[in-house]
Amino acid sequence: MTGRHPALLFSLALAGLLLVVFRDPLLTNRGFAGRDSVNFFIPVEKAVHDGWRGLRVPLVMPEISFGRPLAANPNSGTF
């Protein structure tokens, strides 16, 4: 079989590899998005909203690493 159909064997091997690597989003109800949201984006977004709600510009997030910059980070969405 390997001598007569190398493209079929390669396709099956590639499909098997992709199934192993991406088994969580393909076979379960897990996805890629929830991993970063909980650990990074939700606390940063809460700090930004709390800053604006308190009528101050959210410049830093003092709870992390002796102050993580919020206004200078484009991922925080401060402005």
C-alpha atoms as a PDB file:
ATOM      1  CA  MET A   1       0.000   0.000   0.000  1.00  0.00           C
ATOM      2  CA  THR A   2       2.821   2.428   0.711  1.00  0.00           C
ATOM      3  CA  GLY A   3       4.323   2.077  -2.745  1.00  0.00           C
ATOM      4  CA  ARG A   4       1.098   2.527  -4.688  1.00  0.00           C
ATOM      5  CA  HIS A   5      -0.637   5.321  -2.757  1.00  0.00           C
ATOM      6  CA  PRO A   6       1.886   7.640  -1.077  1.00  0.00           C
ATOM      7  CA  ALA A   7      -0.459  10.654  -1.247  1.00  0.00           C
ATOM      8  CA  LEU A   8      -3.210   8.731   0.546  1.00  0.00           C
ATOM      9  CA  LEU A   9      -0.810   7.584   3.260  1.00  0.00           C
ATOM     10  CA  PHE A  10       0.505  11.133   3.706  1.00  0.00           C
ATOM     11  CA  SER A  11      -3.039  12.526   3.898  1.00  0.00           C
ATOM     12  CA  LEU A  12      -4.067   9.992   6.538  1.00  0.00           C
ATOM     13  CA  ALA A  13      -0.935  10.659   8.584  1.00  0.00           C
ATOM     14  CA  LEU A  14      -1.488  14.427   8.393  1.00  0.00           C
ATOM     15  CA  ALA A  15      -5.152  14.060   9.374  1.00  0.00           C
ATOM     16  CA  GLY A  16      -4.159  11.880  12.331  1.00  0.00           C
ATOM     17  CA  LEU A  17      -1.523  14.386  13.460  1.00  0.00           C
ATOM     18  CA  LEU A  18      -3.974  17.290  13.218  1.00  0.00           C
ATOM     19  CA  LEU A  19      -6.555  15.302  15.160  1.00  0.00           C
ATOM     20  CA  VAL A  20      -4.047  14.657  17.953  1.00  0.00           C
ATOM     21  CA  VAL A  21      -2.822  18.265  18.091  1.00  0.00           C
ATOM     22  CA  PHE A  22      -6.281  19.884  17.918  1.00  0.00           C
ATOM     23  CA  ARG A  23      -8.241  17.261  19.878  1.00  0.00           C
ATOM     24  CA  ASP A  24      -9.578  19.727  22.472  1.00  0.00           C
ATOM     25  CA  PRO A  25     -11.422  22.091  20.117  1.00  0.00           C
ATOM     26  CA  LEU A  26     -12.425  19.312  17.722  1.00  0.00           C
ATOM     27  CA  LEU A  27     -13.632  16.592  20.089  1.00  0.00           C
ATOM     28  CA  THR A  28     -14.593  18.440  23.279  1.00  0.00           C
ATOM     29  CA  ASN A  29     -16.379  21.656  24.131  1.00  0.00           C
ATOM     30  CA  ARG A  30     -13.141  23.567  24.809  1.00  0.00           C
ATOM     31  CA  GLY A  31     -11.757  26.271  22.584  1.00  0.00           C
ATOM     32  CA  PHE A  32      -8.781  28.538  22.207  1.00  0.00           C
ATOM     33  CA  ALA A  33     -10.357  31.769  23.441  1.00  0.00           C
ATOM     34  CA  GLY A  34     -10.973  30.946  27.087  1.00  0.00           C
ATOM     35  CA  ARG A  35      -7.362  30.405  27.980  1.00  0.00           C
ATOM     36  CA  ASP A  36      -6.193  34.022  27.794  1.00  0.00           C
ATOM     37  CA  SER A  37      -9.436  35.678  28.833  1.00  0.00           C
ATOM     38  CA  VAL A  38      -9.488  34.414  32.374  1.00  0.00           C
ATOM     39  CA  ASN A  39      -5.843  34.989  33.214  1.00  0.00           C
ATOM     40  CA  PHE A  40      -5.070  38.239  31.426  1.00  0.00           C
ATOM     41  CA  PHE A  41      -7.875  40.126  29.737  1.00  0.00           C
ATOM     42  CA  ILE A  42     -10.649  39.968  32.321  1.00  0.00           C
ATOM     43  CA  PRO A  43      -8.571  41.355  35.259  1.00  0.00           C
ATOM     44  CA  VAL A  44      -7.081  44.068  33.042  1.00  0.00           C
ATOM     45  CA  GLU A  45     -10.505  45.035  31.720  1.00  0.00           C
ATOM     46  CA  LYS A  46     -11.887  45.138  35.264  1.00  0.00           C
ATOM     47  CA  ALA A  47      -9.053  47.451  36.354  1.00  0.00           C
ATOM     48  CA  VAL A  48      -9.709  49.787  33.408  1.00  0.00           C
ATOM     49  CA  HIS A  49     -13.457  49.886  34.092  1.00  0.00           C
ATOM     50  CA  ASP A  50     -12.927  50.448  37.811  1.00  0.00           C
ATOM     51  CA  GLY A  51     -10.545  53.326  37.055  1.00  0.00           C
ATOM     52  CA  TRP A  52     -12.975  55.106  34.767  1.00  0.00           C
ATOM     53  CA  ARG A  53     -15.858  54.392  37.143  1.00  0.00           C
ATOM     54  CA  GLY A  54     -13.875  56.066  39.935  1.00  0.00           C
ATOM     55  CA  LEU A  55     -13.398  59.151  37.709  1.00  0.00           C
ATOM     56  CA  ARG A  56      -9.648  58.678  37.306  1.00  0.00           C
ATOM     57  CA  VAL A  57      -7.483  57.740  34.343  1.00  0.00           C
ATOM     58  CA  PRO A  58      -6.386  54.101  34.774  1.00  0.00           C
ATOM     59  CA  LEU A  59      -2.633  54.494  34.342  1.00  0.00           C
ATOM     60  CA  VAL A  60      -1.320  51.450  36.217  1.00  0.00           C
ATOM     61  CA  MET A  61      -2.644  48.231  37.727  1.00  0.00           C
ATOM     62  CA  PRO A  62      -0.868  48.200  41.124  1.00  0.00           C
ATOM     63  CA  GLU A  63      -1.859  44.634  42.052  1.00  0.00           C
ATOM     64  CA  ILE A  64       0.490  42.991  39.519  1.00  0.00           C
ATOM     65  CA  SER A  65       4.312  43.148  39.572  1.00  0.00           C
ATOM     66  CA  PHE A  66       4.562  46.397  41.569  1.00  0.00           C
ATOM     67  CA  GLY A  67       2.377  48.122  38.978  1.00  0.00           C
ATOM     68  CA  ARG A  68       1.615  47.056  35.433  1.00  0.00           C
ATOM     69  CA  PRO A  69       1.059  49.940  32.986  1.00  0.00           C
ATOM     70  CA  LEU A  70      -2.453  50.124  31.600  1.00  0.00           C
ATOM     71  CA  ALA A  71      -2.524  53.373  29.648  1.00  0.00           C
ATOM     72  CA  ALA A  72       0.709  52.525  27.792  1.00  0.00           C
ATOM     73  CA  ASN A  73      -0.468  49.026  26.837  1.00  0.00           C
ATOM     74  CA  PRO A  74      -2.559  48.974  23.651  1.00  0.00           C
ATOM     75  CA  ASN A  75      -4.079  45.613  24.638  1.00  0.00           C
ATOM     76  CA  SER A  76      -5.771  47.107  27.688  1.00  0.00           C
ATOM     77  CA  GLY A  77      -8.048  49.372  25.665  1.00  0.00           C
ATOM     78  CA  THR A  78      -7.796  52.235  28.134  1.00  0.00           C
ATOM     79  CA  PHE A  79      -8.475  54.891  25.549  1.00  0.00           C
END
